[in-house]
């Protein structure tokens, strides 16, 4: 950094940053195909269905944030006894209803669901949440968007 004070360019070219970067051991252990599959699942909104281990709470938001209208509609017809999947199905229906009156869906996802997904992923306390707490948080975010639309109308 001394060269900044002297206002002269450094004499040595810095090493290539990518060449110095080494993946952590757990990521190196993943095969390329599995990593690609997880990335595709994330972008398609199916991360919670792809994870082999305990599903992180924030990942249940993934389908709501990235799924297509067809994916969300298919989710609402699922008949699973799993509390997480039932909560996600309920929220998918709620999101579709909101999009039908205050859409388009992509806008709601970009303005509400993606930021919520990132917020939940960054909050460590979310890991201990049960489906009810997660669903309540998502409902609250959707209701905030609904109120915002009413005010601007």
N, C-alpha and C. Protein backbone atom coordinates (compact mmCIF):
# COMPACT_ATOMS: atom_id res chain seq x y z
N UNK A 1 0.82 -1.20 0.00
CA UNK A 1 0.00 0.00 0.00
C UNK A 1 0.87 1.26 0.00
N UNK A 2 2.16 1.13 0.31
CA UNK A 2 3.01 2.32 0.34
C UNK A 2 3.05 3.03 -1.01
N UNK A 3 2.92 2.29 -2.07
CA UNK A 3 2.98 2.90 -3.39
C UNK A 3 1.86 3.90 -3.61
N UNK A 4 0.72 3.72 -2.88
CA UNK A 4 -0.37 4.68 -3.00
C UNK A 4 0.04 6.04 -2.46
N UNK A 5 0.79 6.04 -1.36
CA UNK A 5 1.22 7.29 -0.76
C UNK A 5 2.26 8.00 -1.62
N UNK A 6 3.09 7.21 -2.28
CA UNK A 6 4.13 7.79 -3.13
C UNK A 6 3.60 8.14 -4.52
N UNK A 7 2.38 7.72 -4.81
CA UNK A 7 1.75 7.96 -6.10
C UNK A 7 2.54 7.38 -7.26
N UNK A 8 3.09 6.24 -7.01
CA UNK A 8 3.78 5.55 -8.08
C UNK A 8 3.25 4.13 -8.16
N UNK A 9 3.29 3.58 -9.31
CA UNK A 9 2.76 2.23 -9.54
C UNK A 9 3.68 1.20 -8.90
N UNK A 10 3.11 0.10 -8.47
CA UNK A 10 3.95 -0.97 -7.91
C UNK A 10 4.85 -1.55 -9.01
N UNK A 11 6.01 -1.98 -8.60
CA UNK A 11 6.95 -2.53 -9.58
C UNK A 11 6.64 -3.98 -9.89
N UNK A 12 6.00 -4.68 -8.95
CA UNK A 12 5.66 -6.08 -9.17
C UNK A 12 4.17 -6.21 -9.45
N UNK A 13 3.87 -7.09 -10.33
CA UNK A 13 2.46 -7.37 -10.62
C UNK A 13 1.95 -8.35 -9.56
N UNK A 14 0.78 -8.05 -8.91
CA UNK A 14 0.26 -8.96 -7.89
C UNK A 14 -0.04 -10.34 -8.49
N UNK A 15 0.12 -11.35 -7.67
CA UNK A 15 -0.17 -12.72 -8.12
C UNK A 15 -1.64 -12.84 -8.50
N UNK A 16 -1.90 -13.69 -9.43
CA UNK A 16 -3.27 -13.92 -9.87
C UNK A 16 -4.11 -14.40 -8.69
N UNK A 17 -5.18 -13.65 -8.36
CA UNK A 17 -6.01 -13.97 -7.18
C UNK A 17 -6.64 -15.35 -7.31
N UNK A 18 -7.05 -15.70 -8.50
CA UNK A 18 -7.71 -17.00 -8.68
C UNK A 18 -6.71 -18.12 -8.46
N UNK A 19 -5.50 -17.92 -8.88
CA UNK A 19 -4.48 -18.95 -8.70
C UNK A 19 -4.16 -19.21 -7.24
N UNK A 20 -4.35 -18.21 -6.39
CA UNK A 20 -4.05 -18.37 -4.97
C UNK A 20 -5.22 -18.94 -4.18
N UNK A 21 -6.41 -18.92 -4.74
CA UNK A 21 -7.60 -19.36 -4.03
C UNK A 21 -7.68 -20.88 -4.01
N UNK A 22 -7.91 -21.41 -2.82
CA UNK A 22 -8.06 -22.86 -2.69
C UNK A 22 -9.39 -23.13 -2.00
N UNK A 23 -10.17 -24.03 -2.58
CA UNK A 23 -11.46 -24.38 -2.00
C UNK A 23 -11.28 -25.07 -0.66
N UNK A 24 -12.19 -24.84 0.29
CA UNK A 24 -12.15 -25.57 1.56
C UNK A 24 -12.33 -27.07 1.30
N UNK A 25 -11.82 -27.86 2.21
CA UNK A 25 -11.85 -29.32 2.06
C UNK A 25 -13.24 -29.88 1.77
N UNK A 26 -14.31 -29.45 2.47
CA UNK A 26 -15.62 -30.03 2.15
C UNK A 26 -16.05 -29.79 0.71
N UNK A 27 -15.73 -28.61 0.15
CA UNK A 27 -16.12 -28.35 -1.23
C UNK A 27 -15.27 -29.14 -2.21
N UNK A 28 -14.01 -29.36 -1.87
CA UNK A 28 -13.17 -30.16 -2.74
C UNK A 28 -13.66 -31.59 -2.81
N UNK A 29 -14.29 -32.05 -1.71
CA UNK A 29 -14.77 -33.43 -1.66
C UNK A 29 -16.01 -33.64 -2.55
N UNK A 30 -16.76 -32.56 -2.78
CA UNK A 30 -17.94 -32.69 -3.64
C UNK A 30 -17.50 -32.94 -5.08
N UNK A 31 -18.19 -33.80 -5.72
CA UNK A 31 -17.89 -34.01 -7.14
C UNK A 31 -18.45 -32.83 -7.92
N UNK A 32 -17.91 -32.59 -9.09
CA UNK A 32 -18.37 -31.49 -9.92
C UNK A 32 -19.85 -31.65 -10.27
N UNK A 33 -20.27 -32.86 -10.53
CA UNK A 33 -21.67 -33.10 -10.90
C UNK A 33 -22.61 -32.77 -9.76
N UNK A 34 -22.23 -33.12 -8.54
CA UNK A 34 -23.10 -32.84 -7.40
C UNK A 34 -23.19 -31.34 -7.15
N UNK A 35 -22.07 -30.65 -7.27
CA UNK A 35 -22.06 -29.21 -7.06
C UNK A 35 -22.94 -28.52 -8.10
N UNK A 36 -22.82 -28.94 -9.35
CA UNK A 36 -23.66 -28.38 -10.41
C UNK A 36 -25.13 -28.68 -10.14
N UNK A 37 -25.43 -29.89 -9.70
CA UNK A 37 -26.82 -30.26 -9.40
C UNK A 37 -27.40 -29.40 -8.28
N UNK A 38 -26.59 -29.11 -7.26
CA UNK A 38 -27.06 -28.26 -6.17
C UNK A 38 -27.28 -26.83 -6.63
N UNK A 39 -26.40 -26.33 -7.50
CA UNK A 39 -26.57 -24.98 -8.04
C UNK A 39 -27.84 -24.90 -8.89
N UNK A 40 -28.06 -25.91 -9.72
CA UNK A 40 -29.27 -25.95 -10.54
C UNK A 40 -30.52 -26.02 -9.66
N UNK A 41 -30.46 -26.81 -8.61
CA UNK A 41 -31.59 -26.94 -7.69
C UNK A 41 -31.88 -25.60 -7.01
N UNK A 42 -30.83 -24.89 -6.62
CA UNK A 42 -31.02 -23.58 -5.99
C UNK A 42 -31.71 -22.62 -6.94
N UNK A 43 -31.20 -22.53 -8.16
CA UNK A 43 -31.76 -21.59 -9.14
C UNK A 43 -33.17 -21.96 -9.57
N UNK A 44 -33.52 -23.23 -9.50
CA UNK A 44 -34.86 -23.68 -9.87
C UNK A 44 -35.83 -23.64 -8.68
N UNK A 45 -35.30 -23.35 -7.48
CA UNK A 45 -36.16 -23.29 -6.32
C UNK A 45 -36.37 -24.63 -5.65
N UNK A 46 -35.54 -25.60 -5.93
CA UNK A 46 -35.71 -26.96 -5.39
C UNK A 46 -34.58 -27.39 -4.46
N UNK A 47 -33.93 -26.43 -3.83
CA UNK A 47 -32.79 -26.76 -2.97
C UNK A 47 -33.21 -27.63 -1.79
N UNK A 48 -34.32 -27.33 -1.15
CA UNK A 48 -34.77 -28.11 0.01
C UNK A 48 -35.01 -29.57 -0.36
N UNK A 49 -35.39 -29.82 -1.60
CA UNK A 49 -35.64 -31.19 -2.05
C UNK A 49 -34.36 -31.90 -2.47
N UNK A 50 -33.29 -31.15 -2.68
CA UNK A 50 -32.03 -31.71 -3.17
C UNK A 50 -31.06 -32.06 -2.03
N UNK A 51 -31.17 -31.36 -0.92
CA UNK A 51 -30.22 -31.52 0.19
C UNK A 51 -30.33 -32.91 0.79
N UNK A 52 -29.18 -33.56 0.98
CA UNK A 52 -29.16 -34.92 1.54
C UNK A 52 -29.22 -34.93 3.06
N UNK A 53 -28.67 -33.91 3.67
CA UNK A 53 -28.62 -33.86 5.13
C UNK A 53 -29.80 -33.05 5.66
N UNK A 54 -29.72 -32.60 6.89
CA UNK A 54 -30.78 -31.79 7.47
C UNK A 54 -30.96 -30.52 6.64
N UNK A 55 -32.19 -30.23 6.29
CA UNK A 55 -32.48 -29.10 5.41
C UNK A 55 -32.43 -27.81 6.21
N UNK A 56 -31.60 -26.85 5.78
CA UNK A 56 -31.57 -25.56 6.49
C UNK A 56 -32.93 -24.86 6.36
N UNK A 57 -33.37 -24.21 7.41
CA UNK A 57 -34.68 -23.57 7.42
C UNK A 57 -34.84 -22.58 6.27
N UNK A 58 -33.83 -21.77 6.01
CA UNK A 58 -33.95 -20.76 4.96
C UNK A 58 -34.20 -21.38 3.59
N UNK A 59 -33.73 -22.61 3.38
CA UNK A 59 -33.86 -23.22 2.05
C UNK A 59 -35.31 -23.57 1.71
N UNK A 60 -36.20 -23.61 2.70
CA UNK A 60 -37.61 -23.85 2.39
C UNK A 60 -38.20 -22.64 1.66
N UNK A 61 -37.55 -21.49 1.78
CA UNK A 61 -37.98 -20.28 1.09
C UNK A 61 -37.56 -20.33 -0.38
N UNK A 62 -36.63 -21.19 -0.72
CA UNK A 62 -36.03 -21.24 -2.05
C UNK A 62 -37.05 -21.41 -3.17
N UNK A 63 -37.99 -22.32 -3.03
CA UNK A 63 -39.01 -22.52 -4.07
C UNK A 63 -39.86 -21.26 -4.22
N UNK A 64 -40.22 -20.64 -3.12
CA UNK A 64 -41.04 -19.43 -3.16
C UNK A 64 -40.30 -18.28 -3.83
N UNK A 65 -39.00 -18.24 -3.68
CA UNK A 65 -38.19 -17.16 -4.24
C UNK A 65 -37.82 -17.37 -5.70
N UNK A 66 -37.72 -18.62 -6.14
CA UNK A 66 -37.19 -18.89 -7.49
C UNK A 66 -38.08 -19.77 -8.36
N UNK A 67 -39.10 -20.37 -7.80
CA UNK A 67 -39.93 -21.28 -8.57
C UNK A 67 -40.83 -20.57 -9.57
N UNK A 68 -41.14 -21.27 -10.63
CA UNK A 68 -42.06 -20.72 -11.63
C UNK A 68 -43.50 -20.86 -11.12
N UNK A 69 -44.41 -20.24 -11.84
CA UNK A 69 -45.82 -20.36 -11.47
C UNK A 69 -46.26 -21.82 -11.48
N UNK A 70 -45.79 -22.57 -12.47
CA UNK A 70 -46.12 -24.00 -12.55
C UNK A 70 -45.55 -24.79 -11.39
N UNK A 71 -44.31 -24.47 -11.00
CA UNK A 71 -43.70 -25.15 -9.85
C UNK A 71 -44.49 -24.89 -8.57
N UNK A 72 -44.89 -23.64 -8.40
CA UNK A 72 -45.65 -23.28 -7.19
C UNK A 72 -47.03 -23.94 -7.21
N UNK A 73 -47.66 -23.97 -8.36
CA UNK A 73 -48.98 -24.62 -8.47
C UNK A 73 -48.87 -26.10 -8.17
N UNK A 74 -47.83 -26.73 -8.68
CA UNK A 74 -47.62 -28.16 -8.42
C UNK A 74 -47.39 -28.40 -6.93
N UNK A 75 -46.71 -27.48 -6.27
CA UNK A 75 -46.43 -27.60 -4.84
C UNK A 75 -47.72 -27.57 -4.02
N UNK A 76 -48.70 -26.81 -4.46
CA UNK A 76 -49.95 -26.68 -3.70
C UNK A 76 -50.80 -27.94 -3.75
N UNK A 77 -50.55 -28.80 -4.74
CA UNK A 77 -51.33 -30.03 -4.87
C UNK A 77 -50.67 -31.21 -4.17
N UNK A 78 -49.47 -31.00 -3.64
CA UNK A 78 -48.77 -32.09 -2.95
C UNK A 78 -49.50 -32.50 -1.69
N UNK A 79 -49.45 -33.78 -1.39
CA UNK A 79 -50.13 -34.30 -0.21
C UNK A 79 -49.11 -35.02 0.67
N UNK A 80 -48.30 -34.23 1.37
CA UNK A 80 -47.26 -34.79 2.23
C UNK A 80 -47.62 -34.58 3.69
N UNK A 81 -47.27 -35.54 4.52
CA UNK A 81 -47.50 -35.41 5.95
C UNK A 81 -46.44 -34.58 6.64
N UNK A 82 -45.41 -34.22 5.92
CA UNK A 82 -44.30 -33.44 6.45
C UNK A 82 -44.74 -32.00 6.73
N UNK A 83 -44.50 -31.50 7.95
CA UNK A 83 -44.93 -30.14 8.32
C UNK A 83 -44.28 -29.07 7.45
N UNK A 84 -43.02 -29.23 7.11
CA UNK A 84 -42.32 -28.25 6.29
C UNK A 84 -42.94 -28.17 4.90
N UNK A 85 -43.22 -29.31 4.31
CA UNK A 85 -43.80 -29.32 2.97
C UNK A 85 -45.24 -28.78 2.97
N UNK A 86 -45.98 -29.09 4.02
CA UNK A 86 -47.34 -28.54 4.11
C UNK A 86 -47.29 -27.01 4.26
N UNK A 87 -46.36 -26.53 5.08
CA UNK A 87 -46.22 -25.08 5.25
C UNK A 87 -45.81 -24.43 3.94
N UNK A 88 -44.88 -25.06 3.22
CA UNK A 88 -44.44 -24.51 1.94
C UNK A 88 -45.58 -24.53 0.91
N UNK A 89 -46.38 -25.58 0.92
CA UNK A 89 -47.52 -25.66 0.00
C UNK A 89 -48.52 -24.54 0.29
N UNK A 90 -48.79 -24.31 1.57
CA UNK A 90 -49.71 -23.24 1.97
C UNK A 90 -49.18 -21.89 1.51
N UNK A 91 -47.89 -21.66 1.71
CA UNK A 91 -47.29 -20.38 1.33
C UNK A 91 -47.21 -20.22 -0.18
N UNK A 92 -47.00 -21.32 -0.90
CA UNK A 92 -46.99 -21.27 -2.36
C UNK A 92 -48.36 -20.82 -2.86
N UNK A 93 -49.42 -21.34 -2.27
CA UNK A 93 -50.77 -20.94 -2.65
C UNK A 93 -51.00 -19.47 -2.32
N UNK A 94 -50.55 -19.05 -1.16
CA UNK A 94 -50.68 -17.66 -0.76
C UNK A 94 -49.93 -16.73 -1.72
N UNK A 95 -48.74 -17.14 -2.12
CA UNK A 95 -47.95 -16.36 -3.06
C UNK A 95 -48.62 -16.29 -4.42
N UNK A 96 -49.17 -17.39 -4.88
CA UNK A 96 -49.88 -17.39 -6.17
C UNK A 96 -51.12 -16.49 -6.13
N UNK A 97 -51.85 -16.51 -5.02
CA UNK A 97 -53.02 -15.64 -4.89
C UNK A 97 -52.60 -14.17 -4.90
N UNK A 98 -51.52 -13.87 -4.21
CA UNK A 98 -51.02 -12.50 -4.18
C UNK A 98 -50.59 -12.06 -5.58
N UNK A 99 -49.93 -12.96 -6.30
CA UNK A 99 -49.49 -12.64 -7.66
C UNK A 99 -50.67 -12.43 -8.60
N UNK A 100 -51.76 -13.16 -8.38
CA UNK A 100 -52.92 -13.01 -9.26
C UNK A 100 -53.60 -11.66 -9.08
N UNK A 101 -53.48 -11.06 -7.91
CA UNK A 101 -54.10 -9.75 -7.68
C UNK A 101 -53.09 -8.60 -7.72
N UNK A 102 -51.85 -8.86 -7.33
CA UNK A 102 -50.85 -7.80 -7.24
C UNK A 102 -49.55 -8.15 -7.97
N UNK A 103 -49.63 -9.04 -8.95
CA UNK A 103 -48.46 -9.56 -9.64
C UNK A 103 -47.72 -8.54 -10.46
N UNK A 104 -46.82 -8.98 -11.25
CA UNK A 104 -46.52 -10.36 -11.63
C UNK A 104 -45.69 -11.10 -10.56
N UNK A 105 -45.71 -12.41 -10.65
CA UNK A 105 -45.02 -13.27 -9.70
C UNK A 105 -43.54 -12.94 -9.60
N UNK A 106 -42.88 -12.78 -10.74
CA UNK A 106 -41.43 -12.51 -10.74
C UNK A 106 -41.10 -11.24 -9.95
N UNK A 107 -41.95 -10.23 -10.05
CA UNK A 107 -41.70 -9.00 -9.31
C UNK A 107 -41.81 -9.23 -7.80
N UNK A 108 -42.81 -9.96 -7.38
CA UNK A 108 -42.97 -10.26 -5.95
C UNK A 108 -41.78 -11.08 -5.46
N UNK A 109 -41.35 -12.04 -6.27
CA UNK A 109 -40.19 -12.84 -5.89
C UNK A 109 -38.96 -11.97 -5.74
N UNK A 110 -38.74 -11.07 -6.68
CA UNK A 110 -37.55 -10.22 -6.63
C UNK A 110 -37.60 -9.20 -5.51
N UNK A 111 -38.78 -8.66 -5.25
CA UNK A 111 -38.90 -7.61 -4.24
C UNK A 111 -39.08 -8.14 -2.82
N UNK A 112 -39.66 -9.33 -2.69
CA UNK A 112 -39.99 -9.84 -1.36
C UNK A 112 -39.26 -11.14 -1.03
N UNK A 113 -39.44 -12.14 -1.88
CA UNK A 113 -38.98 -13.48 -1.51
C UNK A 113 -37.45 -13.66 -1.57
N UNK A 114 -36.80 -13.15 -2.59
CA UNK A 114 -35.34 -13.29 -2.67
C UNK A 114 -34.66 -12.55 -1.52
N UNK A 115 -35.04 -11.29 -1.24
CA UNK A 115 -34.43 -10.64 -0.07
C UNK A 115 -34.71 -11.38 1.24
N UNK A 116 -35.92 -11.92 1.38
CA UNK A 116 -36.24 -12.68 2.59
C UNK A 116 -35.39 -13.94 2.68
N UNK A 117 -35.24 -14.63 1.57
CA UNK A 117 -34.41 -15.84 1.54
C UNK A 117 -32.98 -15.52 2.00
N UNK A 118 -32.41 -14.44 1.49
CA UNK A 118 -31.05 -14.05 1.87
C UNK A 118 -30.98 -13.63 3.33
N UNK A 119 -31.99 -12.91 3.80
CA UNK A 119 -32.02 -12.50 5.20
C UNK A 119 -32.07 -13.71 6.13
N UNK A 120 -32.93 -14.66 5.82
CA UNK A 120 -33.05 -15.86 6.66
C UNK A 120 -31.76 -16.67 6.65
N UNK A 121 -31.09 -16.73 5.51
CA UNK A 121 -29.83 -17.48 5.41
C UNK A 121 -28.74 -16.83 6.26
N UNK A 122 -28.83 -15.52 6.46
CA UNK A 122 -27.80 -14.80 7.21
C UNK A 122 -28.05 -14.75 8.72
N UNK A 123 -29.22 -15.17 9.15
CA UNK A 123 -29.56 -15.10 10.58
C UNK A 123 -29.38 -16.46 11.24
N UNK A 124 -28.39 -16.60 12.13
CA UNK A 124 -28.12 -17.90 12.75
C UNK A 124 -29.28 -18.46 13.56
N UNK A 125 -30.09 -17.61 14.19
CA UNK A 125 -31.19 -18.09 15.03
C UNK A 125 -32.26 -18.81 14.23
N UNK A 126 -32.32 -18.58 12.94
CA UNK A 126 -33.32 -19.21 12.08
C UNK A 126 -33.14 -20.73 12.04
N UNK A 127 -31.93 -21.20 12.26
CA UNK A 127 -31.64 -22.64 12.21
C UNK A 127 -32.48 -23.43 13.22
N UNK A 128 -32.91 -22.79 14.29
CA UNK A 128 -33.68 -23.48 15.33
C UNK A 128 -35.20 -23.34 15.14
N UNK A 129 -35.63 -22.66 14.11
CA UNK A 129 -37.05 -22.43 13.89
C UNK A 129 -37.79 -23.69 13.50
N UNK A 130 -39.04 -23.73 13.89
CA UNK A 130 -39.98 -24.77 13.47
C UNK A 130 -40.76 -24.22 12.28
N UNK A 131 -41.50 -25.08 11.57
CA UNK A 131 -42.25 -24.62 10.40
C UNK A 131 -43.18 -23.43 10.66
N UNK A 132 -43.80 -23.41 11.82
CA UNK A 132 -44.74 -22.33 12.13
C UNK A 132 -44.05 -20.96 12.18
N UNK A 133 -42.87 -20.89 12.78
CA UNK A 133 -42.15 -19.61 12.86
C UNK A 133 -41.72 -19.16 11.47
N UNK A 134 -41.24 -20.11 10.66
CA UNK A 134 -40.84 -19.77 9.30
C UNK A 134 -42.04 -19.29 8.48
N UNK A 135 -43.15 -20.02 8.54
CA UNK A 135 -44.34 -19.67 7.78
C UNK A 135 -44.87 -18.30 8.21
N UNK A 136 -44.84 -18.03 9.49
CA UNK A 136 -45.30 -16.75 10.00
C UNK A 136 -44.45 -15.60 9.45
N UNK A 137 -43.15 -15.81 9.38
CA UNK A 137 -42.24 -14.79 8.86
C UNK A 137 -42.51 -14.54 7.37
N UNK A 138 -42.70 -15.61 6.62
CA UNK A 138 -42.99 -15.46 5.19
C UNK A 138 -44.35 -14.77 5.00
N UNK A 139 -45.36 -15.18 5.75
CA UNK A 139 -46.68 -14.54 5.66
C UNK A 139 -46.59 -13.06 5.97
N UNK A 140 -45.81 -12.71 6.97
CA UNK A 140 -45.64 -11.31 7.35
C UNK A 140 -45.03 -10.51 6.19
N UNK A 141 -44.03 -11.08 5.52
CA UNK A 141 -43.40 -10.41 4.38
C UNK A 141 -44.39 -10.23 3.23
N UNK A 142 -45.19 -11.27 2.96
CA UNK A 142 -46.18 -11.18 1.89
C UNK A 142 -47.26 -10.15 2.24
N UNK A 143 -47.66 -10.11 3.49
CA UNK A 143 -48.67 -9.14 3.93
C UNK A 143 -48.13 -7.72 3.80
N UNK A 144 -46.85 -7.52 4.09
CA UNK A 144 -46.24 -6.21 3.91
C UNK A 144 -46.30 -5.76 2.46
N UNK A 145 -46.05 -6.67 1.54
CA UNK A 145 -46.13 -6.34 0.12
C UNK A 145 -47.57 -6.03 -0.27
N UNK A 146 -48.51 -6.81 0.25
CA UNK A 146 -49.94 -6.60 -0.02
C UNK A 146 -50.37 -5.21 0.44
N UNK A 147 -49.95 -4.80 1.65
CA UNK A 147 -50.29 -3.49 2.18
C UNK A 147 -49.68 -2.37 1.33
N UNK A 148 -48.44 -2.60 0.91
CA UNK A 148 -47.76 -1.62 0.07
C UNK A 148 -48.51 -1.42 -1.24
N UNK A 149 -49.01 -2.49 -1.82
CA UNK A 149 -49.77 -2.40 -3.07
C UNK A 149 -51.08 -1.65 -2.86
N UNK A 150 -51.73 -1.88 -1.72
CA UNK A 150 -52.99 -1.18 -1.42
C UNK A 150 -52.76 0.33 -1.30
N UNK A 151 -51.66 0.70 -0.63
CA UNK A 151 -51.35 2.12 -0.45
C UNK A 151 -51.07 2.82 -1.76
N UNK A 152 -50.40 2.14 -2.66
CA UNK A 152 -50.03 2.77 -3.93
C UNK A 152 -51.16 2.76 -4.94
N UNK A 153 -52.23 2.03 -4.65
CA UNK A 153 -53.36 1.95 -5.60
C UNK A 153 -54.33 3.11 -5.45
